[in-house]
Amino acid sequence: MKTTQSLRRILGGVFLGLLLGAPVHAAPSPDADFIASVTGDYNNISSYLNNELARTFGFYSTLGWPTSPEVLNLMSGPRGEIGVGLGVDLVKVNLDSLPLNALSPDSNINIPGVLPLPFPIWQAKIGLFKDLDFGLRGTGYPRIERDQISTANRGWGFEVRYQALSGVKYPSVTVNVSWDRMQGDIYFHTNIDQQSTYVDSGTTYASTLSGQSVYMNAWDVHSFGVKVVVGKNLGIFHPFGAMGIQRQGGQVTSRFQVDVQEALSSGGVPVVGTGQNVHLDLTNVALPPVLQPKYILGFELGTGFRWSNVFETNGRDRSFSTSFRVQI
């Protein structure tokens, strides 16, 4: 009997010791939750932008080629041509579609809803022999800085065209094969001044963020493309259309650097732990889609001196370009 009572006392003491010695885990504070949400939101923005722009830059690297189905001929002429032009690729960016918990996109990154990417172009072509010609194309611009946006770009490519069908009665049909490469970057600098609300465990807090962010996207992409161009020579008016496919490679990298001070309050009273500095340096890497379609509509005016206007799309981005060429 005494042995049983002693065993009970020992077991009771062990249980009490474990109970008193068990660690107590405090619930995360609203301020810690807010910082975690801010970090997650910045990472979501960076990942979204990089994935969207990776889908753009493979297509962007191929823009600006003159698309008329008429092929140069070294023997009968026109033997060659040179030209210059300018275009813009319009990229839709919808940050409002992201499920963000703590951030207001407009207050944290200075990026427009439709991002215009310019592409000045030069090109030169020469006829090789009957129904076949060869061309070179370049694009790019030096560093441009405006309204807290900085960008630079350069690219080049070559193209071979074969005219499969040509005649007065029927449209001309040309097969174009091209290879392009492009490298560049763009920076968005933002002065952050966000005043909003944050909900944690059913309680609404007043939140503020102040500081700076820099979002950078850099691309090094290349594309191999094949397209079929159909058009008709109507004197000085040359309408045409084309469909093709692009096989793309390379890499698109984003870096989102954020330096902000946060504040959280309830009823005008700061919560415990508020007022911390948050430093983030987020990197995302994405690949352009391996295959993308390409659709083209356009027209040219003139004979020896050509004015070309071209609309190109991959079903998502839309680009417009105009160029002038002289044939010899």
C-alpha atoms as a PDB file:
ATOM      1  CA  MET A   1       0.000   0.000   0.000  1.00  0.00           C
ATOM      2  CA  LYS A   2       2.762   2.387   0.942  1.00  0.00           C
ATOM      3  CA  THR A   3       4.543   1.492  -2.280  1.00  0.00           C
ATOM      4  CA  THR A   4       1.462   2.408  -4.326  1.00  0.00           C
ATOM      5  CA  GLN A   5       1.085   5.767  -2.546  1.00  0.00           C
ATOM      6  CA  SER A   6       4.770   6.559  -3.107  1.00  0.00           C
ATOM      7  CA  LEU A   7       4.454   5.722  -6.791  1.00  0.00           C
ATOM      8  CA  ARG A   8       1.458   8.031  -7.059  1.00  0.00           C
ATOM      9  CA  ARG A   9       3.379  10.850  -5.371  1.00  0.00           C
ATOM     10  CA  ILE A  10       6.324  10.375  -7.760  1.00  0.00           C
ATOM     11  CA  LEU A  11       4.136  10.312 -10.846  1.00  0.00           C
ATOM     12  CA  GLY A  12       2.180  13.338  -9.618  1.00  0.00           C
ATOM     13  CA  GLY A  13       5.395  15.244  -9.058  1.00  0.00           C
ATOM     14  CA  VAL A  14       6.687  14.374 -12.515  1.00  0.00           C
ATOM     15  CA  PHE A  15       3.405  15.492 -14.107  1.00  0.00           C
ATOM     16  CA  LEU A  16       3.406  18.754 -12.137  1.00  0.00           C
ATOM     17  CA  GLY A  17       6.999  19.398 -13.089  1.00  0.00           C
ATOM     18  CA  LEU A  18       6.272  18.826 -16.757  1.00  0.00           C
ATOM     19  CA  LEU A  19       3.236  21.080 -16.555  1.00  0.00           C
ATOM     20  CA  LEU A  20       5.091  23.908 -14.859  1.00  0.00           C
ATOM     21  CA  GLY A  21       8.131  23.514 -17.064  1.00  0.00           C
ATOM     22  CA  ALA A  22       6.293  23.347 -20.394  1.00  0.00           C
ATOM     23  CA  PRO A  23       7.231  26.261 -22.674  1.00  0.00           C
ATOM     24  CA  VAL A  24       4.549  28.838 -23.310  1.00  0.00           C
ATOM     25  CA  HIS A  25       4.272  29.985 -26.959  1.00  0.00           C
ATOM     26  CA  ALA A  26       2.936  33.495 -27.315  1.00  0.00           C
ATOM     27  CA  ALA A  27       0.589  34.159 -30.227  1.00  0.00           C
ATOM     28  CA  PRO A  28       2.145  36.208 -33.029  1.00  0.00           C
ATOM     29  CA  SER A  29       1.524  39.922 -32.578  1.00  0.00           C
ATOM     30  CA  PRO A  30      -0.568  41.863 -35.137  1.00  0.00           C
ATOM     31  CA  ASP A  31       2.577  43.773 -36.092  1.00  0.00           C
ATOM     32  CA  ALA A  32       4.486  40.552 -36.833  1.00  0.00           C
ATOM     33  CA  ASP A  33       1.542  39.333 -38.914  1.00  0.00           C
ATOM     34  CA  PHE A  34       1.508  42.649 -40.792  1.00  0.00           C
ATOM     35  CA  ILE A  35       5.230  42.441 -41.621  1.00  0.00           C
ATOM     36  CA  ALA A  36       4.787  38.841 -42.815  1.00  0.00           C
ATOM     37  CA  SER A  37       1.872  39.908 -45.029  1.00  0.00           C
ATOM     38  CA  VAL A  38       3.859  42.832 -46.444  1.00  0.00           C
ATOM     39  CA  THR A  39       6.755  40.502 -47.290  1.00  0.00           C
ATOM     40  CA  GLY A  40       4.428  37.992 -48.962  1.00  0.00           C
ATOM     41  CA  ASP A  41       2.688  40.713 -50.981  1.00  0.00           C
ATOM     42  CA  TYR A  42       5.967  42.138 -52.292  1.00  0.00           C
ATOM     43  CA  ASN A  43       7.046  38.654 -53.343  1.00  0.00           C
ATOM     44  CA  ASN A  44       3.707  38.075 -55.116  1.00  0.00           C
ATOM     45  CA  ILE A  45       4.101  41.337 -57.047  1.00  0.00           C
ATOM     46  CA  SER A  46       7.667  40.486 -58.066  1.00  0.00           C
ATOM     47  CA  SER A  47       6.739  36.964 -59.189  1.00  0.00           C
ATOM     48  CA  TYR A  48       3.672  38.144 -61.123  1.00  0.00           C
ATOM     49  CA  LEU A  49       5.538  40.880 -62.978  1.00  0.00           C
ATOM     50  CA  ASN A  50       8.440  38.624 -63.891  1.00  0.00           C
ATOM     51  CA  ASN A  51       6.175  35.878 -65.232  1.00  0.00           C
ATOM     52  CA  GLU A  52       4.120  38.371 -67.255  1.00  0.00           C
ATOM     53  CA  LEU A  53       7.165  40.121 -68.706  1.00  0.00           C
ATOM     54  CA  ALA A  54       8.811  36.784 -69.525  1.00  0.00           C
ATOM     55  CA  ARG A  55       5.809  36.098 -71.775  1.00  0.00           C
ATOM     56  CA  THR A  56       6.367  39.485 -73.423  1.00  0.00           C
ATOM     57  CA  PHE A  57      10.076  39.683 -74.148  1.00  0.00           C
ATOM     58  CA  GLY A  58      10.340  36.677 -76.449  1.00  0.00           C
ATOM     59  CA  PHE A  59       7.677  38.282 -78.661  1.00  0.00           C
ATOM     60  CA  TYR A  60       9.211  41.741 -78.211  1.00  0.00           C
ATOM     61  CA  SER A  61      12.572  40.522 -79.540  1.00  0.00           C
ATOM     62  CA  THR A  62      11.023  39.659 -82.940  1.00  0.00           C
ATOM     63  CA  LEU A  63       9.193  42.901 -83.708  1.00  0.00           C
ATOM     64  CA  GLY A  64       9.843  45.323 -86.546  1.00  0.00           C
ATOM     65  CA  TRP A  65      10.667  43.123 -89.519  1.00  0.00           C
ATOM     66  CA  PRO A  66       9.212  44.439 -92.808  1.00  0.00           C
ATOM     67  CA  THR A  67       6.606  41.840 -93.749  1.00  0.00           C
ATOM     68  CA  SER A  68       5.787  42.514 -97.389  1.00  0.00           C
ATOM     69  CA  PRO A  69       5.645  39.227 -99.368  1.00  0.00           C
ATOM     70  CA  GLU A  70       7.691  40.712-102.226  1.00  0.00           C
ATOM     71  CA  VAL A  71      11.215  39.270-102.340  1.00  0.00           C
ATOM     72  CA  LEU A  72      14.267  41.129-103.670  1.00  0.00           C
ATOM     73  CA  ASN A  73      16.132  39.770-106.688  1.00  0.00           C
ATOM     74  CA  LEU A  74      19.839  40.413-107.219  1.00  0.00           C
ATOM     75  CA  MET A  75      19.583  39.811-110.979  1.00  0.00           C
ATOM     76  CA  SER A  76      16.368  41.566-112.059  1.00  0.00           C
ATOM     77  CA  GLY A  77      15.821  44.012-109.196  1.00  0.00           C
ATOM     78  CA  PRO A  78      14.982  45.542-106.942  1.00  0.00           C
ATOM     79  CA  ARG A  79      18.313  44.234-105.675  1.00  0.00           C
ATOM     80  CA  GLY A  80      18.381  45.617-102.160  1.00  0.00           C
ATOM     81  CA  GLU A  81      16.801  47.963 -99.650  1.00  0.00           C
ATOM     82  CA  ILE A  82      17.577  49.858 -96.485  1.00  0.00           C
ATOM     83  CA  GLY A  83      15.130  51.288 -94.001  1.00  0.00           C
ATOM     84  CA  VAL A  84      14.434  52.723 -90.566  1.00  0.00           C
ATOM     85  CA  GLY A  85      11.340  52.692 -88.407  1.00  0.00           C
ATOM     86  CA  LEU A  86       9.803  52.970 -84.977  1.00  0.00           C
ATOM     87  CA  GLY A  87       7.305  50.840 -83.086  1.00  0.00           C
ATOM     88  CA  VAL A  88       5.808  50.200 -79.660  1.00  0.00           C
ATOM     89  CA  ASP A  89       4.730  47.017 -77.914  1.00  0.00           C
ATOM     90  CA  LEU A  90       1.821  47.505 -75.483  1.00  0.00           C
ATOM     91  CA  VAL A  91       1.932  45.216 -72.442  1.00  0.00           C
ATOM     92  CA  LYS A  92      -1.013  45.072 -70.051  1.00  0.00           C
ATOM     93  CA  VAL A  93      -0.088  44.861 -66.360  1.00  0.00           C
ATOM     94  CA  ASN A  94      -2.950  44.163 -63.941  1.00  0.00           C
ATOM     95  CA  LEU A  95      -1.583  44.299 -60.389  1.00  0.00           C
ATOM     96  CA  ASP A  96      -5.101  44.886 -59.051  1.00  0.00           C
ATOM     97  CA  SER A  97      -5.900  41.256 -59.876  1.00  0.00           C
ATOM     98  CA  LEU A  98      -3.412  40.002 -57.261  1.00  0.00           C
ATOM     99  CA  PRO A  99      -4.753  38.747 -53.889  1.00  0.00           C
ATOM    100  CA  LEU A 100      -2.753  41.146 -51.696  1.00  0.00           C
ATOM    101  CA  ASN A 101      -3.303  41.324 -47.943  1.00  0.00           C
ATOM    102  CA  ALA A 102      -1.374  44.413 -46.843  1.00  0.00           C
ATOM    103  CA  LEU A 103      -0.228  46.388 -49.888  1.00  0.00           C
ATOM    104  CA  SER A 104      -1.828  48.830 -52.274  1.00  0.00           C
ATOM    105  CA  PRO A 105      -0.010  48.235 -55.613  1.00  0.00           C
ATOM    106  CA  ASP A 106      -0.242  51.841 -56.809  1.00  0.00           C
ATOM    107  CA  SER A 107       1.531  53.062 -53.668  1.00  0.00           C
ATOM    108  CA  ASN A 108       4.385  50.570 -53.829  1.00  0.00           C
ATOM    109  CA  ILE A 109       5.491  50.266 -57.454  1.00  0.00           C
ATOM    110  CA  ASN A 110       5.447  52.938 -60.118  1.00  0.00           C
ATOM    111  CA  ILE A 111       4.379  50.870 -63.129  1.00  0.00           C
ATOM    112  CA  PRO A 112       1.572  51.837 -65.544  1.00  0.00           C
ATOM    113  CA  GLY A 113      -1.393  49.574 -66.262  1.00  0.00           C
ATOM    114  CA  VAL A 114      -0.337  49.485 -69.920  1.00  0.00           C
ATOM    115  CA  LEU A 115       3.439  49.424 -70.281  1.00  0.00           C
ATOM    116  CA  PRO A 116       4.703  50.812 -73.633  1.00  0.00           C
ATOM    117  CA  LEU A 117       7.949  49.194 -74.802  1.00  0.00           C
ATOM    118  CA  PRO A 118       9.475  51.090 -77.760  1.00  0.00           C
ATOM    119  CA  PHE A 119      11.568  49.535 -80.515  1.00  0.00           C
ATOM    120  CA  PRO A 120      13.392  51.775 -82.993  1.00  0.00           C
ATOM    121  CA  ILE A 121      14.573  49.655 -85.910  1.00  0.00           C
ATOM    122  CA  TRP A 122      16.962  49.674 -88.845  1.00  0.00           C
ATOM    123  CA  GLN A 123      17.162  47.008 -91.493  1.00  0.00           C
ATOM    124  CA  ALA A 124      18.980  46.097 -94.702  1.00  0.00           C
ATOM    125  CA  LYS A 125      18.125  43.404 -97.243  1.00  0.00           C
ATOM    126  CA  ILE A 126      19.729  42.062-100.404  1.00  0.00           C
ATOM    127  CA  GLY A 127      18.470  39.705-103.063  1.00  0.00           C
ATOM    128  CA  LEU A 128      20.408  36.463-103.436  1.00  0.00           C
ATOM    129  CA  PHE A 129      18.916  34.884-106.521  1.00  0.00           C
ATOM    130  CA  LYS A 130      15.456  34.264-107.884  1.00  0.00           C
ATOM    131  CA  ASP A 131      12.772  34.108-105.146  1.00  0.00           C
ATOM    132  CA  LEU A 132      15.269  34.309-102.258  1.00  0.00           C
ATOM    133  CA  ASP A 133      16.687  37.210-100.229  1.00  0.00           C
ATOM    134  CA  PHE A 134      18.527  37.841 -96.969  1.00  0.00           C
ATOM    135  CA  GLY A 135      18.141  40.615 -94.381  1.00  0.00           C
ATOM    136  CA  LEU A 136      19.678  42.002 -91.212  1.00  0.00           C
ATOM    137  CA  ARG A 137      17.818  43.977 -88.571  1.00  0.00           C
ATOM    138  CA  GLY A 138      18.902  45.910 -85.520  1.00  0.00           C
ATOM    139  CA  THR A 139      17.024  47.569 -82.688  1.00  0.00           C
ATOM    140  CA  GLY A 140      17.827  49.306 -79.438  1.00  0.00           C
ATOM    141  CA  TYR A 141      18.299  52.544 -77.583  1.00  0.00           C
ATOM    142  CA  PRO A 142      20.771  53.886 -75.013  1.00  0.00           C
ATOM    143  CA  ARG A 143      19.847  54.408 -71.362  1.00  0.00           C
ATOM    144  CA  ILE A 144      16.680  56.509 -71.051  1.00  0.00           C
ATOM    145  CA  GLU A 145      15.635  57.954 -67.679  1.00  0.00           C
ATOM    146  CA  ARG A 146      12.298  59.658 -67.153  1.00  0.00           C
ATOM    147  CA  ASP A 147       9.743  59.950 -64.334  1.00  0.00           C
ATOM    148  CA  GLN A 148      11.647  57.490 -62.093  1.00  0.00           C
ATOM    149  CA  ILE A 149      11.785  54.922 -64.911  1.00  0.00           C
ATOM    150  CA  SER A 150      15.092  53.883 -66.462  1.00  0.00           C
ATOM    151  CA  THR A 151      15.543  51.514 -69.412  1.00  0.00           C
ATOM    152  CA  ALA A 152      18.013  50.408 -72.076  1.00  0.00           C
ATOM    153  CA  ASN A 153      17.772  47.819 -74.823  1.00  0.00           C
ATOM    154  CA  ARG A 154      19.632  46.343 -77.794  1.00  0.00           C
ATOM    155  CA  GLY A 155      18.933  43.560 -80.254  1.00  0.00           C
ATOM    156  CA  TRP A 156      19.696  42.188 -83.677  1.00  0.00           C
ATOM    157  CA  GLY A 157      18.549  39.449 -86.026  1.00  0.00           C
ATOM    158  CA  PHE A 158      18.649  38.008 -89.515  1.00  0.00           C
ATOM    159  CA  GLU A 159      15.979  36.718 -91.862  1.00  0.00           C
ATOM    160  CA  VAL A 160      15.777  34.610 -95.029  1.00  0.00           C
ATOM    161  CA  ARG A 161      12.700  34.897 -97.258  1.00  0.00           C
ATOM    162  CA  TYR A 162      11.576  32.521-100.006  1.00  0.00           C
ATOM    163  CA  GLN A 163       8.749  33.499-102.335  1.00  0.00           C
ATOM    164  CA  ALA A 164       6.737  30.351-102.923  1.00  0.00           C
ATOM    165  CA  LEU A 165       4.085  31.931-105.138  1.00  0.00           C
ATOM    166  CA  SER A 166       3.987  35.137-107.136  1.00  0.00           C
ATOM    167  CA  GLY A 167       1.683  36.268-109.880  1.00  0.00           C
ATOM    168  CA  VAL A 168      -0.627  38.937-111.206  1.00  0.00           C
ATOM    169  CA  LYS A 169      -3.810  36.973-110.790  1.00  0.00           C
ATOM    170  CA  TYR A 170      -3.118  35.303-107.437  1.00  0.00           C
ATOM    171  CA  PRO A 171      -1.699  36.669-104.161  1.00  0.00           C
ATOM    172  CA  SER A 172       1.988  36.350-103.417  1.00  0.00           C
ATOM    173  CA  VAL A 173       3.000  33.800-100.766  1.00  0.00           C
ATOM    174  CA  THR A 174       6.341  34.030 -98.967  1.00  0.00           C
ATOM    175  CA  VAL A 175       7.934  31.854 -96.271  1.00  0.00           C
ATOM    176  CA  ASN A 176      10.094  33.803 -93.798  1.00  0.00           C
ATOM    177  CA  VAL A 177      12.620  32.235 -91.411  1.00  0.00           C
ATOM    178  CA  SER A 178      14.240  34.488 -88.805  1.00  0.00           C
ATOM    179  CA  TRP A 179      16.456  34.449 -85.727  1.00  0.00           C
ATOM    180  CA  ASP A 180      16.528  37.319 -83.218  1.00  0.00           C
ATOM    181  CA  ARG A 181      18.247  38.131 -79.936  1.00  0.00           C
ATOM    182  CA  MET A 182      17.576  40.946 -77.478  1.00  0.00           C
ATOM    183  CA  GLN A 183      19.089  42.143 -74.195  1.00  0.00           C
ATOM    184  CA  GLY A 184      17.910  44.954 -71.970  1.00  0.00           C
ATOM    185  CA  ASP A 185      16.576  46.085 -68.619  1.00  0.00           C
ATOM    186  CA  ILE A 186      14.032  48.412 -67.071  1.00  0.00           C
ATOM    187  CA  TYR A 187      13.918  49.977 -63.586  1.00  0.00           C
ATOM    188  CA  PHE A 188      10.933  51.410 -61.725  1.00  0.00           C
ATOM    189  CA  HIS A 189      11.796  53.679 -58.757  1.00  0.00           C
ATOM    190  CA  THR A 190       8.961  54.415 -56.323  1.00  0.00           C
ATOM    191  CA  ASN A 191       8.659  56.653 -53.266  1.00  0.00           C
ATOM    192  CA  ILE A 192       6.326  54.677 -50.997  1.00  0.00           C
ATOM    193  CA  ASP A 193       3.710  56.505 -48.929  1.00  0.00           C
ATOM    194  CA  GLN A 194       0.888  54.077 -48.188  1.00  0.00           C
ATOM    195  CA  GLN A 195      -1.866  54.768 -45.681  1.00  0.00           C
ATOM    196  CA  SER A 196      -4.507  52.050 -45.522  1.00  0.00           C
ATOM    197  CA  THR A 197      -6.052  49.449 -43.233  1.00  0.00           C
ATOM    198  CA  TYR A 198      -4.998  45.945 -42.281  1.00  0.00           C
ATOM    199  CA  VAL A 199      -7.256  43.231 -40.848  1.00  0.00           C
ATOM    200  CA  ASP A 200      -5.779  40.678 -38.444  1.00  0.00           C
ATOM    201  CA  SER A 201      -7.895  38.129 -36.539  1.00  0.00           C
ATOM    202  CA  GLY A 202     -11.034  40.138 -37.208  1.00  0.00           C
ATOM    203  CA  THR A 203      -9.585  43.431 -35.956  1.00  0.00           C
ATOM    204  CA  THR A 204      -9.017  46.349 -38.331  1.00  0.00           C
ATOM    205  CA  TYR A 205      -5.840  48.381 -37.838  1.00  0.00           C
ATOM    206  CA  ALA A 206      -4.616  51.603 -39.429  1.00  0.00           C
ATOM    207  CA  SER A 207      -1.401  50.854 -41.311  1.00  0.00           C
ATOM    208  CA  THR A 208       1.266  53.005 -42.934  1.00  0.00           C
ATOM    209  CA  LEU A 209       4.331  52.248 -45.021  1.00  0.00           C
ATOM    210  CA  SER A 210       6.929  54.843 -45.999  1.00  0.00           C
ATOM    211  CA  GLY A 211      10.208  54.467 -47.829  1.00  0.00           C
ATOM    212  CA  GLN A 212      11.414  53.464 -51.286  1.00  0.00           C
ATOM    213  CA  SER A 213      11.320  50.529 -53.669  1.00  0.00           C
ATOM    214  CA  VAL A 214      13.211  49.670 -56.860  1.00  0.00           C
ATOM    215  CA  TYR A 215      11.837  47.027 -59.212  1.00  0.00           C
ATOM    216  CA  MET A 216      14.247  45.855 -61.933  1.00  0.00           C
ATOM    217  CA  ASN A 217      13.571  43.491 -64.807  1.00  0.00           C
ATOM    218  CA  ALA A 218      16.376  42.308 -67.097  1.00  0.00           C
ATOM    219  CA  TRP A 219      15.998  40.144 -70.187  1.00  0.00           C
ATOM    220  CA  ASP A 220      18.350  38.157 -72.397  1.00  0.00           C
ATOM    221  CA  VAL A 221      16.151  36.287 -74.874  1.00  0.00           C
ATOM    222  CA  HIS A 222      16.343  34.815 -78.352  1.00  0.00           C
ATOM    223  CA  SER A 223      13.761  33.568 -80.806  1.00  0.00           C
ATOM    224  CA  PHE A 224      13.660  31.395 -83.901  1.00  0.00           C
ATOM    225  CA  GLY A 225      10.580  32.007 -86.033  1.00  0.00           C
ATOM    226  CA  VAL A 226       8.824  30.777 -89.149  1.00  0.00           C
ATOM    227  CA  LYS A 227       5.897  32.588 -90.741  1.00  0.00           C
ATOM    228  CA  VAL A 228       3.893  32.486 -93.943  1.00  0.00           C
ATOM    229  CA  VAL A 229       3.058  35.855 -95.502  1.00  0.00           C
ATOM    230  CA  VAL A 230       0.225  36.358 -98.001  1.00  0.00           C
ATOM    231  CA  GLY A 231      -0.209  39.662 -99.828  1.00  0.00           C
ATOM    232  CA  LYS A 232      -1.222  41.357-103.033  1.00  0.00           C
ATOM    233  CA  ASN A 233       0.464  44.039-105.118  1.00  0.00           C
ATOM    234  CA  LEU A 234      -2.232  46.540-106.117  1.00  0.00           C
ATOM    235  CA  GLY A 235       0.028  49.118-107.729  1.00  0.00           C
ATOM    236  CA  ILE A 236       1.173  51.449-104.987  1.00  0.00           C
ATOM    237  CA  PHE A 237      -0.942  49.727-102.307  1.00  0.00           C
ATOM    238  CA  HIS A 238       0.302  46.423-100.885  1.00  0.00           C
ATOM    239  CA  PRO A 239      -1.891  44.797 -98.183  1.00  0.00           C
ATOM    240  CA  PHE A 240      -0.620  41.652 -96.447  1.00  0.00           C
ATOM    241  CA  GLY A 241      -1.179  39.292 -93.546  1.00  0.00           C
ATOM    242  CA  ALA A 242       0.903  36.588 -91.896  1.00  0.00           C
ATOM    243  CA  MET A 243       0.775  33.756 -89.386  1.00  0.00           C
ATOM    244  CA  GLY A 244       3.734  32.096 -87.744  1.00  0.00           C
ATOM    245  CA  ILE A 245       5.249  30.391 -84.737  1.00  0.00           C
ATOM    246  CA  GLN A 246       8.177  31.464 -82.546  1.00  0.00           C
ATOM    247  CA  ARG A 247      10.429  29.114 -80.595  1.00  0.00           C
ATOM    248  CA  GLN A 248      11.932  31.106 -77.734  1.00  0.00           C
ATOM    249  CA  GLY A 249      14.699  30.741 -75.203  1.00  0.00           C
ATOM    250  CA  GLY A 250      16.756  32.762 -72.760  1.00  0.00           C
ATOM    251  CA  GLN A 251      16.016  34.131 -69.320  1.00  0.00           C
ATOM    252  CA  VAL A 252      14.111  36.986 -67.690  1.00  0.00           C
ATOM    253  CA  THR A 253      15.169  38.048 -64.172  1.00  0.00           C
ATOM    254  CA  SER A 254      13.530  40.451 -61.752  1.00  0.00           C
ATOM    255  CA  ARG A 255      14.851  42.014 -58.563  1.00  0.00           C
ATOM    256  CA  PHE A 256      12.604  43.865 -56.112  1.00  0.00           C
ATOM    257  CA  GLN A 257      14.446  45.915 -53.472  1.00  0.00           C
ATOM    258  CA  VAL A 258      12.311  47.453 -50.746  1.00  0.00           C
ATOM    259  CA  ASP A 259      13.294  49.656 -47.803  1.00  0.00           C
ATOM    260  CA  VAL A 260      10.267  50.818 -45.772  1.00  0.00           C
ATOM    261  CA  GLN A 261       9.258  51.699 -42.239  1.00  0.00           C
ATOM    262  CA  GLU A 262       5.968  50.227 -41.092  1.00  0.00           C
ATOM    263  CA  ALA A 263       3.471  51.420 -38.480  1.00  0.00           C
ATOM    264  CA  LEU A 264       0.327  49.762 -37.147  1.00  0.00           C
ATOM    265  CA  SER A 265      -2.202  51.261 -34.734  1.00  0.00           C
ATOM    266  CA  SER A 266      -5.672  50.648 -33.350  1.00  0.00           C
ATOM    267  CA  GLY A 267      -7.837  53.549 -32.226  1.00  0.00           C
ATOM    268  CA  GLY A 268      -4.838  55.855 -32.541  1.00  0.00           C
ATOM    269  CA  VAL A 269      -2.744  53.700 -30.197  1.00  0.00           C
ATOM    270  CA  PRO A 270       0.361  52.036 -31.724  1.00  0.00           C
ATOM    271  CA  VAL A 271       0.408  48.258 -31.371  1.00  0.00           C
ATOM    272  CA  VAL A 272       3.244  46.543 -29.548  1.00  0.00           C
ATOM    273  CA  GLY A 273       6.414  46.276 -31.650  1.00  0.00           C
ATOM    274  CA  THR A 274       5.372  48.665 -34.405  1.00  0.00           C
ATOM    275  CA  GLY A 275       7.722  51.069 -36.187  1.00  0.00           C
ATOM    276  CA  GLN A 276      10.164  48.528 -37.594  1.00  0.00           C
ATOM    277  CA  ASN A 277      12.283  48.949 -40.717  1.00  0.00           C
ATOM    278  CA  VAL A 278      11.640  46.295 -43.353  1.00  0.00           C
ATOM    279  CA  HIS A 279      14.431  45.514 -45.848  1.00  0.00           C
ATOM    280  CA  LEU A 280      13.692  43.106 -48.688  1.00  0.00           C
ATOM    281  CA  ASP A 281      15.735  41.960 -51.669  1.00  0.00           C
ATOM    282  CA  LEU A 282      13.627  39.559 -53.752  1.00  0.00           C
ATOM    283  CA  THR A 283      14.805  37.830 -56.928  1.00  0.00           C
ATOM    284  CA  ASN A 284      12.709  35.871 -59.417  1.00  0.00           C
ATOM    285  CA  VAL A 285      13.826  34.065 -62.572  1.00  0.00           C
ATOM    286  CA  ALA A 286      11.482  33.014 -65.381  1.00  0.00           C
ATOM    287  CA  LEU A 287      11.799  31.562 -68.863  1.00  0.00           C
ATOM    288  CA  PRO A 288       9.891  32.861 -71.887  1.00  0.00           C
ATOM    289  CA  PRO A 289       7.297  30.455 -73.298  1.00  0.00           C
ATOM    290  CA  VAL A 290       8.962  27.875 -75.527  1.00  0.00           C
ATOM    291  CA  LEU A 291       6.397  28.360 -78.304  1.00  0.00           C
ATOM    292  CA  GLN A 292       4.254  31.384 -79.116  1.00  0.00           C
ATOM    293  CA  PRO A 293       2.039  32.163 -82.116  1.00  0.00           C
ATOM    294  CA  LYS A 294       2.401  35.333 -84.140  1.00  0.00           C
ATOM    295  CA  TYR A 295      -0.220  37.137 -86.224  1.00  0.00           C
ATOM    296  CA  ILE A 296       0.455  40.089 -88.509  1.00  0.00           C
ATOM    297  CA  LEU A 297      -1.644  42.534 -90.530  1.00  0.00           C
ATOM    298  CA  GLY A 298      -0.276  45.479 -92.468  1.00  0.00           C
ATOM    299  CA  PHE A 299       0.066  47.434 -95.637  1.00  0.00           C
ATOM    300  CA  GLU A 300       2.674  49.299 -97.661  1.00  0.00           C
ATOM    301  CA  LEU A 301       2.409  52.352 -99.866  1.00  0.00           C
ATOM    302  CA  GLY A 302       4.772  53.231-102.710  1.00  0.00           C
ATOM    303  CA  THR A 303       7.053  51.501-105.174  1.00  0.00           C
ATOM    304  CA  GLY A 304      10.773  52.380-104.931  1.00  0.00           C
ATOM    305  CA  PHE A 305      10.186  54.304-101.715  1.00  0.00           C
ATOM    306  CA  ARG A 306       8.033  52.256 -99.333  1.00  0.00           C
ATOM    307  CA  TRP A 307       6.037  53.303 -96.274  1.00  0.00           C
ATOM    308  CA  SER A 308       5.057  50.279 -94.178  1.00  0.00           C
ATOM    309  CA  ASN A 309       2.567  50.042 -91.273  1.00  0.00           C
ATOM    310  CA  VAL A 310       2.365  46.803 -89.326  1.00  0.00           C
ATOM    311  CA  PHE A 311       0.241  45.420 -86.465  1.00  0.00           C
ATOM    312  CA  GLU A 312       1.606  42.334 -84.688  1.00  0.00           C
ATOM    313  CA  THR A 313       0.211  40.250 -81.821  1.00  0.00           C
ATOM    314  CA  ASN A 314       0.781  36.945 -80.067  1.00  0.00           C
ATOM    315  CA  GLY A 315      -2.824  36.905 -78.871  1.00  0.00           C
ATOM    316  CA  ARG A 316      -1.876  38.831 -75.730  1.00  0.00           C
ATOM    317  CA  ASP A 317       0.544  41.701 -76.457  1.00  0.00           C
ATOM    318  CA  ARG A 318      -0.130  44.168 -79.257  1.00  0.00           C
ATOM    319  CA  SER A 319       2.462  46.114 -81.199  1.00  0.00           C
ATOM    320  CA  PHE A 320       2.363  48.791 -83.885  1.00  0.00           C
ATOM    321  CA  SER A 321       5.248  49.903 -86.070  1.00  0.00           C
ATOM    322  CA  THR A 322       5.847  52.189 -89.009  1.00  0.00           C
ATOM    323  CA  SER A 323       8.926  52.229 -91.223  1.00  0.00           C
ATOM    324  CA  PHE A 324      10.322  53.768 -94.392  1.00  0.00           C
ATOM    325  CA  ARG A 325      12.462  51.862 -96.874  1.00  0.00           C
ATOM    326  CA  VAL A 326      14.325  52.729-100.044  1.00  0.00           C
ATOM    327  CA  GLN A 327      14.791  50.024-102.690  1.00  0.00           C
ATOM    328  CA  ILE A 328      17.678  50.021-105.150  1.00  0.00           C
END
